[in-house]
Amino acid sequence: MDKPPREKHLGFLINDVARLLRRAFDQRAQGAGLTRAQWQVLAHLFHNEGSNQAAVAEALEIEPITLSRHIDKLEKLGFVVRLPDPNDRRARRLHLTPAVQPLLDEMRLIGKSVLAAALEGVDAEETERMITSLSRMRANMAGRGIETPDHSGDAPMPSSQRQKVPS
C-alpha cells in the first residue's frame, strides 16, 4: 500500500506535537495550582496587556462567561485586575499585577525546558527553518481570512514597556 503524501501527514504531525508540548507543560506546571486555561489567560495577557474581556475570549476561542470565571479566579489570587476602559464605560480592561511575575517567570522556565526537550537533536539551523516555515504557514492562513495573526509565541514585551498596575 502506498504511503500518504508527506504534506497530508504534516497537519496531523503539527497537531500531535502541539498536544504533546501542552501535556508536558501541564505535567511540569502542576505544582503552580493553575489550570491550563488559567495559564493561557495569563500568557495572553502578558502579550496583550490591557485587552478587554471580549477580545481575550475571542483570541482564546472561549465563551465570554467562561473567561469571566477564569478572570474571577485569577483576580481572587491577586494576579489580574479589571480596570475601567477609558473609551467605553461598560467595558473593563485586563491587566496583570506585579504579584503574578514569579508565576510568569516560572511559566517561562517551564516552557523553555519543555521546548528544549522537544528540540533535542534538532540543530539551530533546522529550528530556524522550522520557525520560518511555520510562521509562513500561519501568515498564509491569516491572509486567507482564517484569523488574524496571533503573536502570542513572539518575544515578550520588555517589562519597561508594559503598563504597571498597582497590586
C-alpha atoms as a PDB file:
ATOM      1  CA  MET A   1       0.000   0.000   0.000  1.00  0.00           C
ATOM      2  CA  ASP A   2       1.268   3.481  -0.875  1.00  0.00           C
ATOM      3  CA  LYS A   3       2.223   5.848   1.905  1.00  0.00           C
ATOM      4  CA  PRO A   4       0.175   9.061   2.053  1.00  0.00           C
ATOM      5  CA  PRO A   5       1.974  12.166   0.778  1.00  0.00           C
ATOM      6  CA  ARG A   6       4.062  13.856   3.470  1.00  0.00           C
ATOM      7  CA  GLU A   7       2.011  17.055   3.321  1.00  0.00           C
ATOM      8  CA  LYS A   8      -1.116  15.074   4.313  1.00  0.00           C
ATOM      9  CA  HIS A   9       0.774  13.857   7.362  1.00  0.00           C
ATOM     10  CA  LEU A  10       2.022  17.361   8.225  1.00  0.00           C
ATOM     11  CA  GLY A  11      -1.233  18.671   9.709  1.00  0.00           C
ATOM     12  CA  PHE A  12      -1.575  15.652  11.978  1.00  0.00           C
ATOM     13  CA  LEU A  13       2.075  15.896  12.978  1.00  0.00           C
ATOM     14  CA  ILE A  14       1.790  19.608  13.878  1.00  0.00           C
ATOM     15  CA  ASN A  15      -1.311  18.896  15.943  1.00  0.00           C
ATOM     16  CA  ASP A  16       0.302  15.930  17.700  1.00  0.00           C
ATOM     17  CA  VAL A  17       3.473  17.874  18.569  1.00  0.00           C
ATOM     18  CA  ALA A  18       1.349  20.748  19.934  1.00  0.00           C
ATOM     19  CA  ARG A  19      -0.693  18.295  22.032  1.00  0.00           C
ATOM     20  CA  LEU A  20       2.452  16.676  23.442  1.00  0.00           C
ATOM     21  CA  LEU A  21       4.011  20.073  24.219  1.00  0.00           C
ATOM     22  CA  ARG A  22       0.835  21.116  26.077  1.00  0.00           C
ATOM     23  CA  ARG A  23       0.778  17.837  28.010  1.00  0.00           C
ATOM     24  CA  ALA A  24       4.446  18.155  29.012  1.00  0.00           C
ATOM     25  CA  PHE A  25       3.886  21.762  30.095  1.00  0.00           C
ATOM     26  CA  ASP A  26       0.821  20.738  32.124  1.00  0.00           C
ATOM     27  CA  GLN A  27       2.751  17.972  33.884  1.00  0.00           C
ATOM     28  CA  ARG A  28       5.606  20.298  34.822  1.00  0.00           C
ATOM     29  CA  ALA A  29       3.295  23.152  35.864  1.00  0.00           C
ATOM     30  CA  GLN A  30       1.029  21.118  38.155  1.00  0.00           C
ATOM     31  CA  GLY A  31       2.678  22.477  41.303  1.00  0.00           C
ATOM     32  CA  ALA A  32       1.646  26.047  40.494  1.00  0.00           C
ATOM     33  CA  GLY A  33      -2.008  25.287  41.199  1.00  0.00           C
ATOM     34  CA  LEU A  34      -3.392  26.802  37.993  1.00  0.00           C
ATOM     35  CA  THR A  35      -5.311  25.136  35.199  1.00  0.00           C
ATOM     36  CA  ARG A  36      -4.070  25.176  31.606  1.00  0.00           C
ATOM     37  CA  ALA A  37      -6.896  27.593  30.783  1.00  0.00           C
ATOM     38  CA  GLN A  38      -5.729  29.976  33.517  1.00  0.00           C
ATOM     39  CA  TRP A  39      -2.141  29.718  32.234  1.00  0.00           C
ATOM     40  CA  GLN A  40      -3.398  30.556  28.750  1.00  0.00           C
ATOM     41  CA  VAL A  41      -5.212  33.638  30.035  1.00  0.00           C
ATOM     42  CA  LEU A  42      -2.077  34.826  31.851  1.00  0.00           C
ATOM     43  CA  ALA A  43       0.114  34.185  28.810  1.00  0.00           C
ATOM     44  CA  HIS A  44      -2.310  36.019  26.540  1.00  0.00           C
ATOM     45  CA  LEU A  45      -2.493  38.987  28.906  1.00  0.00           C
ATOM     46  CA  PHE A  46       1.287  39.087  29.186  1.00  0.00           C
ATOM     47  CA  HIS A  47       1.470  39.625  25.427  1.00  0.00           C
ATOM     48  CA  ASN A  48      -1.716  41.714  25.200  1.00  0.00           C
ATOM     49  CA  GLU A  49      -1.768  43.772  28.377  1.00  0.00           C
ATOM     50  CA  GLY A  50      -4.860  45.949  28.668  1.00  0.00           C
ATOM     51  CA  SER A  51      -7.091  43.879  26.369  1.00  0.00           C
ATOM     52  CA  ASN A  52     -10.785  43.867  27.087  1.00  0.00           C
ATOM     53  CA  GLN A  53     -12.531  40.653  28.088  1.00  0.00           C
ATOM     54  CA  ALA A  54     -14.340  40.249  24.766  1.00  0.00           C
ATOM     55  CA  ALA A  55     -11.074  40.413  22.814  1.00  0.00           C
ATOM     56  CA  VAL A  56      -9.384  37.911  25.132  1.00  0.00           C
ATOM     57  CA  ALA A  57     -12.321  35.476  24.916  1.00  0.00           C
ATOM     58  CA  GLU A  58     -12.257  35.709  21.137  1.00  0.00           C
ATOM     59  CA  ALA A  59      -8.480  35.240  20.927  1.00  0.00           C
ATOM     60  CA  LEU A  60      -8.591  32.200  23.226  1.00  0.00           C
ATOM     61  CA  GLU A  61     -11.673  30.837  21.444  1.00  0.00           C
ATOM     62  CA  ILE A  62     -13.708  30.518  24.630  1.00  0.00           C
ATOM     63  CA  GLU A  63     -17.091  31.843  25.664  1.00  0.00           C
ATOM     64  CA  PRO A  64     -17.044  35.216  27.454  1.00  0.00           C
ATOM     65  CA  ILE A  65     -18.728  33.700  30.532  1.00  0.00           C
ATOM     66  CA  THR A  66     -16.014  31.031  30.712  1.00  0.00           C
ATOM     67  CA  LEU A  67     -13.316  33.691  30.503  1.00  0.00           C
ATOM     68  CA  SER A  68     -15.100  35.700  33.165  1.00  0.00           C
ATOM     69  CA  ARG A  69     -14.885  32.731  35.551  1.00  0.00           C
ATOM     70  CA  HIS A  70     -11.167  32.355  34.852  1.00  0.00           C
ATOM     71  CA  ILE A  71     -10.624  36.079  35.428  1.00  0.00           C
ATOM     72  CA  ASP A  72     -12.642  35.912  38.675  1.00  0.00           C
ATOM     73  CA  LYS A  73     -10.299  33.200  39.971  1.00  0.00           C
ATOM     74  CA  LEU A  74      -7.135  34.987  38.794  1.00  0.00           C
ATOM     75  CA  GLU A  75      -8.411  38.219  40.333  1.00  0.00           C
ATOM     76  CA  LYS A  76      -9.022  36.475  43.686  1.00  0.00           C
ATOM     77  CA  LEU A  77      -5.462  35.162  43.538  1.00  0.00           C
ATOM     78  CA  GLY A  78      -4.256  38.748  43.027  1.00  0.00           C
ATOM     79  CA  PHE A  79      -2.826  38.104  39.551  1.00  0.00           C
ATOM     80  CA  VAL A  80      -5.234  40.132  37.418  1.00  0.00           C
ATOM     81  CA  VAL A  81      -7.185  43.356  37.843  1.00  0.00           C
ATOM     82  CA  ARG A  82     -10.079  44.689  35.825  1.00  0.00           C
ATOM     83  CA  LEU A  83      -9.753  48.416  35.182  1.00  0.00           C
ATOM     84  CA  PRO A  84     -12.298  50.708  33.527  1.00  0.00           C
ATOM     85  CA  ASP A  85     -11.913  51.228  29.796  1.00  0.00           C
ATOM     86  CA  PRO A  86     -11.385  54.965  29.230  1.00  0.00           C
ATOM     87  CA  ASN A  87     -13.276  54.763  25.917  1.00  0.00           C
ATOM     88  CA  ASP A  88     -16.224  52.588  26.979  1.00  0.00           C
ATOM     89  CA  ARG A  89     -17.614  52.874  30.481  1.00  0.00           C
ATOM     90  CA  ARG A  90     -19.273  49.440  30.197  1.00  0.00           C
ATOM     91  CA  ALA A  91     -16.033  47.630  29.323  1.00  0.00           C
ATOM     92  CA  ARG A  92     -13.146  46.564  31.538  1.00  0.00           C
ATOM     93  CA  ARG A  93      -9.500  46.242  30.546  1.00  0.00           C
ATOM     94  CA  LEU A  94      -7.487  43.349  31.953  1.00  0.00           C
ATOM     95  CA  HIS A  95      -4.081  43.958  33.493  1.00  0.00           C
ATOM     96  CA  LEU A  96      -1.588  41.736  35.242  1.00  0.00           C
ATOM     97  CA  THR A  97      -0.450  42.701  38.712  1.00  0.00           C
ATOM     98  CA  PRO A  98       3.151  42.604  39.939  1.00  0.00           C
ATOM     99  CA  ALA A  99       2.185  39.612  42.124  1.00  0.00           C
ATOM    100  CA  VAL A 100       1.960  37.386  39.042  1.00  0.00           C
ATOM    101  CA  GLN A 101       5.568  37.998  37.962  1.00  0.00           C
ATOM    102  CA  PRO A 102       7.058  34.995  39.826  1.00  0.00           C
ATOM    103  CA  LEU A 103       4.461  32.744  38.182  1.00  0.00           C
ATOM    104  CA  LEU A 104       5.216  34.206  34.745  1.00  0.00           C
ATOM    105  CA  ASP A 105       8.918  33.610  35.367  1.00  0.00           C
ATOM    106  CA  GLU A 106       8.145  30.010  36.331  1.00  0.00           C
ATOM    107  CA  MET A 107       5.944  29.577  33.254  1.00  0.00           C
ATOM    108  CA  ARG A 108       8.754  30.883  31.037  1.00  0.00           C
ATOM    109  CA  LEU A 109      11.279  28.458  32.571  1.00  0.00           C
ATOM    110  CA  ILE A 110       8.907  25.519  32.211  1.00  0.00           C
ATOM    111  CA  GLY A 111       8.178  26.480  28.611  1.00  0.00           C
ATOM    112  CA  LYS A 112      11.886  26.728  27.798  1.00  0.00           C
ATOM    113  CA  SER A 113      12.637  23.344  29.346  1.00  0.00           C
ATOM    114  CA  VAL A 114       9.738  21.654  27.528  1.00  0.00           C
ATOM    115  CA  LEU A 115      10.829  23.169  24.234  1.00  0.00           C
ATOM    116  CA  ALA A 116      14.462  22.204  24.847  1.00  0.00           C
ATOM    117  CA  ALA A 117      13.361  18.605  25.408  1.00  0.00           C
ATOM    118  CA  ALA A 118      11.257  18.685  22.238  1.00  0.00           C
ATOM    119  CA  LEU A 119      14.127  20.129  20.190  1.00  0.00           C
ATOM    120  CA  GLU A 120      16.705  17.659  21.467  1.00  0.00           C
ATOM    121  CA  GLY A 121      18.773  16.542  18.475  1.00  0.00           C
ATOM    122  CA  VAL A 122      17.466  19.364  16.257  1.00  0.00           C
ATOM    123  CA  ASP A 123      20.201  21.829  15.330  1.00  0.00           C
ATOM    124  CA  ALA A 124      19.819  25.617  15.300  1.00  0.00           C
ATOM    125  CA  GLU A 125      19.599  25.787  11.502  1.00  0.00           C
ATOM    126  CA  GLU A 126      16.768  23.225  11.409  1.00  0.00           C
ATOM    127  CA  THR A 127      14.998  25.113  14.184  1.00  0.00           C
ATOM    128  CA  GLU A 128      15.238  28.396  12.254  1.00  0.00           C
ATOM    129  CA  ARG A 129      13.890  26.740   9.091  1.00  0.00           C
ATOM    130  CA  MET A 130      11.014  25.278  11.094  1.00  0.00           C
ATOM    131  CA  ILE A 131      10.203  28.671  12.629  1.00  0.00           C
ATOM    132  CA  THR A 132      10.330  30.327   9.208  1.00  0.00           C
ATOM    133  CA  SER A 133       8.114  27.669   7.625  1.00  0.00           C
ATOM    134  CA  LEU A 134       5.543  27.623  10.428  1.00  0.00           C
ATOM    135  CA  SER A 135       5.460  31.434  10.503  1.00  0.00           C
ATOM    136  CA  ARG A 136       4.829  31.462   6.772  1.00  0.00           C
ATOM    137  CA  MET A 137       2.052  28.871   7.178  1.00  0.00           C
ATOM    138  CA  ARG A 138       0.445  30.978   9.922  1.00  0.00           C
ATOM    139  CA  ALA A 139       0.639  34.105   7.748  1.00  0.00           C
ATOM    140  CA  ASN A 140      -0.813  32.205   4.779  1.00  0.00           C
ATOM    141  CA  MET A 141      -3.788  31.083   6.820  1.00  0.00           C
ATOM    142  CA  ALA A 142      -4.297  34.525   8.374  1.00  0.00           C
ATOM    143  CA  GLY A 143      -4.090  36.062   4.891  1.00  0.00           C
ATOM    144  CA  ARG A 144      -6.977  33.870   3.805  1.00  0.00           C
ATOM    145  CA  GLY A 145      -9.207  35.289   6.499  1.00  0.00           C
ATOM    146  CA  ILE A 146      -8.911  32.239   8.751  1.00  0.00           C
ATOM    147  CA  GLU A 147      -7.988  34.527  11.648  1.00  0.00           C
ATOM    148  CA  THR A 148      -5.746  37.439  12.381  1.00  0.00           C
ATOM    149  CA  PRO A 149      -2.152  36.549  13.172  1.00  0.00           C
ATOM    150  CA  ASP A 150      -1.643  35.640  16.816  1.00  0.00           C
ATOM    151  CA  HIS A 151       1.775  36.611  18.028  1.00  0.00           C
ATOM    152  CA  SER A 152       1.453  35.077  21.483  1.00  0.00           C
ATOM    153  CA  GLY A 153       4.534  32.993  20.813  1.00  0.00           C
ATOM    154  CA  ASP A 154       6.631  36.022  19.903  1.00  0.00           C
ATOM    155  CA  ALA A 155       9.131  37.576  22.237  1.00  0.00           C
ATOM    156  CA  PRO A 156       7.506  39.132  25.297  1.00  0.00           C
ATOM    157  CA  MET A 157       7.285  42.873  25.598  1.00  0.00           C
ATOM    158  CA  PRO A 158      10.023  44.217  27.873  1.00  0.00           C
ATOM    159  CA  SER A 159       8.726  44.998  31.342  1.00  0.00           C
ATOM    160  CA  SER A 160       9.887  48.584  30.910  1.00  0.00           C
ATOM    161  CA  GLN A 161       7.300  48.995  28.123  1.00  0.00           C
ATOM    162  CA  ARG A 162       4.432  47.295  29.987  1.00  0.00           C
ATOM    163  CA  GLN A 163       1.984  49.393  31.949  1.00  0.00           C
ATOM    164  CA  LYS A 164       2.446  48.995  35.682  1.00  0.00           C
ATOM    165  CA  VAL A 165      -0.661  48.200  37.696  1.00  0.00           C
ATOM    166  CA  PRO A 166      -0.881  48.535  41.456  1.00  0.00           C
ATOM    167  CA  SER A 167      -1.022  45.226  43.356  1.00  0.00           C
END
